Amino acid sequence: MLFRSSNLAEAAIEYAVSITPSRVMERPASYTFTEYFEEEVLRKRPYLRKEWCVRVVQNPERVERQADGRWRFWARISELEGRRLRVVTLDDWTTIHNAFPDRGLTR
């Protein structure tokens, strides 16, 4: 599929709009975090920062839709020594559900 935009984040939004035409996805003013993220993810990975997760969603290197409707976003985080952080959002792209350094991403 060809996208009009060369910016990956904009192209991902364009793709999302193309498969969900009833909803236009734009960069939100604020993000929320699920109870799971607040209670489990931050407990297991106390080094993670919410602002890193937002940065990944806003400026991804790669975006994929999961079978359950959630979205995966990847981007390098300099504060994690350049490793990629995978952030999973709910279908709305504004509710962050999970995040972790992704050692398995080969691209």
Protein backbone atom coordinates (compact mmCIF):
# COMPACT_ATOMS: atom_id res chain seq x y z
CA MET A 1 0.00 0.00 0.00
CA LEU A 2 1.38 3.40 -0.97
CA PHE A 3 1.02 6.36 1.34
CA ARG A 4 0.98 10.01 0.41
CA SER A 5 3.05 10.95 3.44
CA SER A 6 6.73 10.16 3.84
CA ASN A 7 6.45 10.51 7.64
CA LEU A 8 5.88 7.06 9.17
CA ALA A 9 3.58 8.33 11.92
CA GLU A 10 1.41 10.17 9.41
CA ALA A 11 1.45 7.16 7.07
CA ALA A 12 0.35 4.90 9.94
CA ILE A 13 -2.51 7.25 10.73
CA GLU A 14 -3.42 7.36 7.04
CA TYR A 15 -3.49 3.54 7.01
CA ALA A 16 -5.59 3.42 10.18
CA VAL A 17 -8.07 5.86 8.69
CA SER A 18 -8.25 3.78 5.51
CA ILE A 19 -9.24 0.67 7.45
CA THR A 20 -11.47 2.48 9.95
CA PRO A 21 -13.10 5.23 7.88
CA SER A 22 -15.69 6.08 10.52
CA ARG A 23 -12.99 7.43 12.80
CA VAL A 24 -10.28 9.92 11.97
CA MET A 25 -7.20 9.32 14.10
CA GLU A 26 -5.22 12.44 14.89
CA ARG A 27 -2.38 13.08 17.27
CA PRO A 28 -4.13 13.61 20.61
CA ALA A 29 -3.40 16.38 23.06
CA SER A 30 -3.05 13.88 25.89
CA TYR A 31 -2.61 10.19 26.50
CA THR A 32 -4.01 7.93 29.19
CA PHE A 33 -2.67 4.72 30.69
CA THR A 34 -4.54 1.56 31.56
CA GLU A 35 -4.72 0.26 35.10
CA TYR A 36 -2.59 -2.67 33.91
CA PHE A 37 0.12 -0.26 32.74
CA GLU A 38 0.04 1.73 35.98
CA GLU A 39 0.02 -1.27 38.32
CA GLU A 40 1.88 -4.02 36.49
CA VAL A 41 4.10 -2.57 33.75
CA LEU A 42 5.60 0.20 35.87
CA ARG A 43 6.05 -2.22 38.79
CA LYS A 44 7.87 -4.77 36.61
CA ARG A 45 9.86 -2.15 34.68
CA PRO A 46 10.39 0.81 37.02
CA TYR A 47 13.01 2.29 34.68
CA LEU A 48 10.34 3.05 32.04
CA ARG A 49 9.04 6.60 31.69
CA LYS A 50 5.58 7.50 30.46
CA GLU A 51 7.00 10.29 28.32
CA TRP A 52 9.08 7.71 26.42
CA CYS A 53 5.91 5.76 25.63
CA VAL A 54 4.18 8.87 24.32
CA ARG A 55 7.24 9.72 22.24
CA VAL A 56 7.16 6.24 20.65
CA VAL A 57 3.46 6.54 19.74
CA GLN A 58 3.93 10.03 18.31
CA ASN A 59 7.10 9.22 16.33
CA PRO A 60 7.18 5.49 15.55
CA GLU A 61 9.69 3.71 13.35
CA ARG A 62 7.19 0.92 12.81
CA VAL A 63 3.47 0.38 13.49
CA GLU A 64 1.43 -2.82 13.38
CA ARG A 65 -2.13 -3.70 14.24
CA GLN A 66 -2.57 -6.75 16.45
CA ALA A 67 -5.29 -9.34 15.82
CA ASP A 68 -7.13 -8.14 18.95
CA GLY A 69 -7.39 -4.57 17.62
CA ARG A 70 -4.60 -3.11 19.70
CA TRP A 71 -1.67 -1.34 18.05
CA ARG A 72 2.08 -1.87 18.41
CA PHE A 73 4.51 1.01 17.98
CA TRP A 74 8.31 0.79 17.95
CA ALA A 75 10.98 3.46 18.18
CA ARG A 76 14.53 3.80 19.45
CA ILE A 77 14.91 5.52 22.81
CA SER A 78 18.28 7.14 23.42
CA GLU A 79 17.76 6.92 27.19
CA LEU A 80 17.60 3.12 26.79
CA GLU A 81 21.03 3.11 25.13
CA GLY A 82 19.38 3.26 21.71
CA ARG A 83 17.30 0.11 22.16
CA ARG A 84 13.83 -0.02 20.67
CA LEU A 85 10.83 0.35 22.93
CA ARG A 86 7.62 -1.42 21.94
CA VAL A 87 4.48 0.35 23.10
CA VAL A 88 1.05 -1.24 22.85
CA THR A 89 -2.04 0.95 22.78
CA LEU A 90 -5.71 0.14 22.78
CA ASP A 91 -7.56 0.60 19.49
CA ASP A 92 -7.95 4.33 20.16
CA TRP A 93 -4.15 4.98 19.92
CA THR A 94 -4.40 7.21 23.00
CA THR A 95 -4.60 4.64 25.79
CA ILE A 96 -1.21 3.09 26.47
CA HIS A 97 -1.50 -0.48 27.74
CA ASN A 98 1.98 -2.01 27.69
CA ALA A 99 5.61 -1.13 26.99
CA PHE A 100 8.90 -2.95 27.03
CA PRO A 101 12.31 -2.95 25.33
CA ASP A 102 11.95 -5.19 22.29
CA ARG A 103 15.07 -7.25 21.84
CA GLY A 104 13.44 -9.38 19.14
CA LEU A 105 12.85 -6.65 16.57
CA THR A 106 15.28 -7.29 13.75
CA ARG A 107 14.53 -4.32 11.55
